[in-house]
Amino acid sequence: MTDQKSTADLRREQANERRAAIHRCGRCDPNGWLIIAGKAHRCDHGAKGNPA
């Protein structure tokens, strides 16, 4: 039971980190997607620099 709880806690922490990165990004929508030329692209939140 403790293994499941620690796994759940780990997943919760990772989700919180993803939400914080999306919030800091400012380029993508709240789900982490960019719309470019009418097509959806997963945002990297500036990790790779400028994709253009």
PDB file of N, CA and C in Angstrom:
ATOM      1  N   MET A   1       0.827  -1.193   0.000  1.00  0.00           N
ATOM      2  CA  MET A   1       0.000   0.000   0.000  1.00  0.00           C
ATOM      3  C   MET A   1       0.869   1.254   0.000  1.00  0.00           C
ATOM      4  N   THR A   2       1.980   1.230   0.726  1.00  0.00           N
ATOM      5  CA  THR A   2       2.840   2.406   0.755  1.00  0.00           C
ATOM      6  C   THR A   2       3.480   2.654  -0.607  1.00  0.00           C
ATOM      7  N   ASP A   3       3.769   1.558  -1.372  1.00  0.00           N
ATOM      8  CA  ASP A   3       4.332   1.741  -2.709  1.00  0.00           C
ATOM      9  C   ASP A   3       3.349   2.469  -3.613  1.00  0.00           C
ATOM     10  N   GLN A   4       2.068   2.129  -3.521  1.00  0.00           N
ATOM     11  CA  GLN A   4       1.072   2.798  -4.344  1.00  0.00           C
ATOM     12  C   GLN A   4       0.948   4.261  -3.949  1.00  0.00           C
ATOM     13  N   LYS A   5       1.016   4.532  -2.678  1.00  0.00           N
ATOM     14  CA  LYS A   5       0.906   5.922  -2.235  1.00  0.00           C
ATOM     15  C   LYS A   5       2.109   6.723  -2.711  1.00  0.00           C
ATOM     16  N   SER A   6       3.301   6.159  -2.596  1.00  0.00           N
ATOM     17  CA  SER A   6       4.472   6.898  -3.047  1.00  0.00           C
ATOM     18  C   SER A   6       4.442   7.099  -4.564  1.00  0.00           C
ATOM     19  N   THR A   7       3.914   6.130  -5.308  1.00  0.00           N
ATOM     20  CA  THR A   7       3.777   6.274  -6.751  1.00  0.00           C
ATOM     21  C   THR A   7       2.772   7.368  -7.067  1.00  0.00           C
ATOM     22  N   ALA A   8       1.666   7.389  -6.348  1.00  0.00           N
ATOM     23  CA  ALA A   8       0.654   8.424  -6.560  1.00  0.00           C
ATOM     24  C   ALA A   8       1.217   9.800  -6.221  1.00  0.00           C
ATOM     25  N   ASP A   9       1.977   9.875  -5.135  1.00  0.00           N
ATOM     26  CA  ASP A   9       2.591  11.149  -4.773  1.00  0.00           C
ATOM     27  C   ASP A   9       3.573  11.606  -5.841  1.00  0.00           C
ATOM     28  N   LEU A  10       4.351  10.679  -6.383  1.00  0.00           N
ATOM     29  CA  LEU A  10       5.314  11.010  -7.431  1.00  0.00           C
ATOM     30  C   LEU A  10       4.589  11.529  -8.671  1.00  0.00           C
ATOM     31  N   ARG A  11       3.519  10.851  -9.073  1.00  0.00           N
ATOM     32  CA  ARG A  11       2.757  11.304 -10.241  1.00  0.00           C
ATOM     33  C   ARG A  11       2.151  12.682 -10.003  1.00  0.00           C
ATOM     34  N   ARG A  12       1.668  12.917  -8.800  1.00  0.00           N
ATOM     35  CA  ARG A  12       1.080  14.217  -8.465  1.00  0.00           C
ATOM     36  C   ARG A  12       2.130  15.316  -8.549  1.00  0.00           C
ATOM     37  N   GLU A  13       3.340  15.042  -8.045  1.00  0.00           N
ATOM     38  CA  GLU A  13       4.424  16.028  -8.106  1.00  0.00           C
ATOM     39  C   GLU A  13       4.811  16.313  -9.554  1.00  0.00           C
ATOM     40  N   GLN A  14       4.893  15.272 -10.376  1.00  0.00           N
ATOM     41  CA  GLN A  14       5.240  15.462 -11.784  1.00  0.00           C
ATOM     42  C   GLN A  14       4.172  16.282 -12.507  1.00  0.00           C
ATOM     43  N   ALA A  15       2.908  16.014 -12.206  1.00  0.00           N
ATOM     44  CA  ALA A  15       1.818  16.776 -12.823  1.00  0.00           C
ATOM     45  C   ALA A  15       1.885  18.236 -12.400  1.00  0.00           C
ATOM     46  N   ASN A  16       2.182  18.487 -11.141  1.00  0.00           N
ATOM     47  CA  ASN A  16       2.302  19.866 -10.665  1.00  0.00           C
ATOM     48  C   ASN A  16       3.453  20.577 -11.353  1.00  0.00           C
ATOM     49  N   GLU A  17       4.566  19.874 -11.574  1.00  0.00           N
ATOM     50  CA  GLU A  17       5.705  20.460 -12.277  1.00  0.00           C
ATOM     51  C   GLU A  17       5.340  20.799 -13.723  1.00  0.00           C
ATOM     52  N   ARG A  18       4.595  19.896 -14.409  1.00  0.00           N
ATOM     53  CA  ARG A  18       4.165  20.172 -15.787  1.00  0.00           C
ATOM     54  C   ARG A  18       3.249  21.390 -15.837  1.00  0.00           C
ATOM     55  N   ARG A  19       2.309  21.463 -14.900  1.00  0.00           N
ATOM     56  CA  ARG A  19       1.393  22.613 -14.871  1.00  0.00           C
ATOM     57  C   ARG A  19       2.148  23.909 -14.625  1.00  0.00           C
ATOM     58  N   ALA A  20       3.139  23.874 -13.741  1.00  0.00           N
ATOM     59  CA  ALA A  20       3.932  25.073 -13.461  1.00  0.00           C
ATOM     60  C   ALA A  20       4.726  25.492 -14.695  1.00  0.00           C
ATOM     61  N   ALA A  21       5.294  24.529 -15.432  1.00  0.00           N
ATOM     62  CA  ALA A  21       6.054  24.844 -16.645  1.00  0.00           C
ATOM     63  C   ALA A  21       5.146  25.456 -17.698  1.00  0.00           C
ATOM     64  N   ILE A  22       3.936  24.917 -17.845  1.00  0.00           N
ATOM     65  CA  ILE A  22       2.977  25.463 -18.810  1.00  0.00           C
ATOM     66  C   ILE A  22       2.603  26.881 -18.418  1.00  0.00           C
ATOM     67  N   HIS A  23       2.393  27.103 -17.129  1.00  0.00           N
ATOM     68  CA  HIS A  23       2.010  28.437 -16.651  1.00  0.00           C
ATOM     69  C   HIS A  23       3.131  29.452 -16.892  1.00  0.00           C
ATOM     70  N   ARG A  24       4.397  29.053 -16.665  1.00  0.00           N
ATOM     71  CA  ARG A  24       5.540  29.951 -16.862  1.00  0.00           C
ATOM     72  C   ARG A  24       5.793  30.227 -18.336  1.00  0.00           C
ATOM     73  N   CYS A  25       5.450  29.283 -19.193  1.00  0.00           N
ATOM     74  CA  CYS A  25       5.763  29.382 -20.624  1.00  0.00           C
ATOM     75  C   CYS A  25       5.134  30.621 -21.254  1.00  0.00           C
ATOM     76  N   GLY A  26       3.831  30.747 -21.159  1.00  0.00           N
ATOM     77  CA  GLY A  26       3.145  31.891 -21.726  1.00  0.00           C
ATOM     78  C   GLY A  26       2.880  31.806 -23.225  1.00  0.00           C
ATOM     79  N   ARG A  27       3.432  30.817 -23.918  1.00  0.00           N
ATOM     80  CA  ARG A  27       3.213  30.688 -25.366  1.00  0.00           C
ATOM     81  C   ARG A  27       2.062  29.747 -25.689  1.00  0.00           C
ATOM     82  N   CYS A  28       1.850  28.746 -24.843  1.00  0.00           N
ATOM     83  CA  CYS A  28       0.888  27.700 -25.159  1.00  0.00           C
ATOM     84  C   CYS A  28      -0.409  27.866 -24.369  1.00  0.00           C
ATOM     85  N   ASP A  29      -1.405  27.071 -24.766  1.00  0.00           N
ATOM     86  CA  ASP A  29      -2.678  27.103 -24.055  1.00  0.00           C
ATOM     87  C   ASP A  29      -2.540  26.324 -22.733  1.00  0.00           C
ATOM     88  N   PRO A  30      -3.567  26.317 -21.895  1.00  0.00           N
ATOM     89  CA  PRO A  30      -3.459  25.648 -20.590  1.00  0.00           C
ATOM     90  C   PRO A  30      -3.211  24.138 -20.659  1.00  0.00           C
ATOM     91  N   ASN A  31      -3.374  23.545 -21.838  1.00  0.00           N
ATOM     92  CA  ASN A  31      -3.119  22.113 -21.992  1.00  0.00           C
ATOM     93  C   ASN A  31      -1.728  21.821 -22.533  1.00  0.00           C
ATOM     94  N   GLY A  32      -0.951  22.865 -22.833  1.00  0.00           N
ATOM     95  CA  GLY A  32       0.411  22.678 -23.316  1.00  0.00           C
ATOM     96  C   GLY A  32       0.539  22.581 -24.829  1.00  0.00           C
ATOM     97  N   TRP A  33      -0.439  23.103 -25.567  1.00  0.00           N
ATOM     98  CA  TRP A  33      -0.412  23.035 -27.025  1.00  0.00           C
ATOM     99  C   TRP A  33      -0.264  24.421 -27.634  1.00  0.00           C
ATOM    100  N   LEU A  34       0.456  24.488 -28.756  1.00  0.00           N
ATOM    101  CA  LEU A  34       0.571  25.702 -29.577  1.00  0.00           C
ATOM    102  C   LEU A  34      -0.249  25.484 -30.843  1.00  0.00           C
ATOM    103  N   ILE A  35      -0.912  26.514 -31.306  1.00  0.00           N
ATOM    104  CA  ILE A  35      -1.618  26.441 -32.582  1.00  0.00           C
ATOM    105  C   ILE A  35      -0.815  27.285 -33.570  1.00  0.00           C
ATOM    106  N   ILE A  36      -0.244  26.616 -34.567  1.00  0.00           N
ATOM    107  CA  ILE A  36       0.574  27.282 -35.582  1.00  0.00           C
ATOM    108  C   ILE A  36      -0.021  26.928 -36.937  1.00  0.00           C
ATOM    109  N   ALA A  37      -0.412  27.953 -37.677  1.00  0.00           N
ATOM    110  CA  ALA A  37      -0.997  27.783 -39.013  1.00  0.00           C
ATOM    111  C   ALA A  37      -2.174  26.809 -38.971  1.00  0.00           C
ATOM    112  N   GLY A  38      -2.975  26.908 -37.911  1.00  0.00           N
ATOM    113  CA  GLY A  38      -4.173  26.083 -37.805  1.00  0.00           C
ATOM    114  C   GLY A  38      -3.944  24.653 -37.378  1.00  0.00           C
ATOM    115  N   LYS A  39      -2.707  24.306 -37.015  1.00  0.00           N
ATOM    116  CA  LYS A  39      -2.399  22.941 -36.574  1.00  0.00           C
ATOM    117  C   LYS A  39      -1.845  22.966 -35.161  1.00  0.00           C
ATOM    118  N   ALA A  40      -2.202  21.971 -34.380  1.00  0.00           N
ATOM    119  CA  ALA A  40      -1.758  21.887 -32.990  1.00  0.00           C
ATOM    120  C   ALA A  40      -0.376  21.238 -32.908  1.00  0.00           C
ATOM    121  N   HIS A  41       0.468  21.813 -32.072  1.00  0.00           N
ATOM    122  CA  HIS A  41       1.812  21.283 -31.828  1.00  0.00           C
ATOM    123  C   HIS A  41       2.038  21.263 -30.325  1.00  0.00           C
ATOM    124  N   ARG A  42       2.686  20.234 -29.823  1.00  0.00           N
ATOM    125  CA  ARG A  42       2.997  20.153 -28.409  1.00  0.00           C
ATOM    126  C   ARG A  42       4.084  21.171 -28.103  1.00  0.00           C
ATOM    127  N   CYS A  43       3.863  22.010 -27.101  1.00  0.00           N
ATOM    128  CA  CYS A  43       4.822  23.042 -26.728  1.00  0.00           C
ATOM    129  C   CYS A  43       5.957  22.426 -25.912  1.00  0.00           C
ATOM    130  N   ASP A  44       7.192  22.880 -26.164  1.00  0.00           N
ATOM    131  CA  ASP A  44       8.337  22.407 -25.372  1.00  0.00           C
ATOM    132  C   ASP A  44       8.669  23.386 -24.256  1.00  0.00           C
ATOM    133  N   HIS A  45       7.882  24.444 -24.113  1.00  0.00           N
ATOM    134  CA  HIS A  45       8.015  25.443 -23.050  1.00  0.00           C
ATOM    135  C   HIS A  45       9.390  26.105 -23.047  1.00  0.00           C
ATOM    136  N   GLY A  46       9.964  26.283 -24.240  1.00  0.00           N
ATOM    137  CA  GLY A  46      11.223  26.976 -24.380  1.00  0.00           C
ATOM    138  C   GLY A  46      12.444  26.127 -24.071  1.00  0.00           C
ATOM    139  N   ALA A  47      12.276  24.832 -23.879  1.00  0.00           N
ATOM    140  CA  ALA A  47      13.405  23.965 -23.534  1.00  0.00           C
ATOM    141  C   ALA A  47      14.422  23.857 -24.667  1.00  0.00           C
ATOM    142  N   LYS A  48      13.971  23.924 -25.913  1.00  0.00           N
ATOM    143  CA  LYS A  48      14.864  23.782 -27.070  1.00  0.00           C
ATOM    144  C   LYS A  48      15.212  25.121 -27.697  1.00  0.00           C
ATOM    145  N   GLY A  49      14.873  26.184 -27.055  1.00  0.00           N
ATOM    146  CA  GLY A  49      15.122  27.498 -27.628  1.00  0.00           C
ATOM    147  C   GLY A  49      13.990  27.882 -28.546  1.00  0.00           C
ATOM    148  N   ASN A  50      14.266  28.745 -29.492  1.00  0.00           N
ATOM    149  CA  ASN A  50      13.251  29.212 -30.416  1.00  0.00           C
ATOM    150  C   ASN A  50      13.086  28.193 -31.541  1.00  0.00           C
ATOM    151  N   PRO A  51      11.883  27.587 -31.681  1.00  0.00           N
ATOM    152  CA  PRO A  51      11.706  26.564 -32.723  1.00  0.00           C
ATOM    153  C   PRO A  51      11.675  27.120 -34.138  1.00  0.00           C
ATOM    154  N   ALA A  52      11.594  28.420 -34.308  1.00  0.00           N
ATOM    155  CA  ALA A  52      11.528  29.002 -35.660  1.00  0.00           C
ATOM    156  C   ALA A  52      12.863  29.114 -36.265  1.00  0.00           C
TER     157      ALA A  52
END
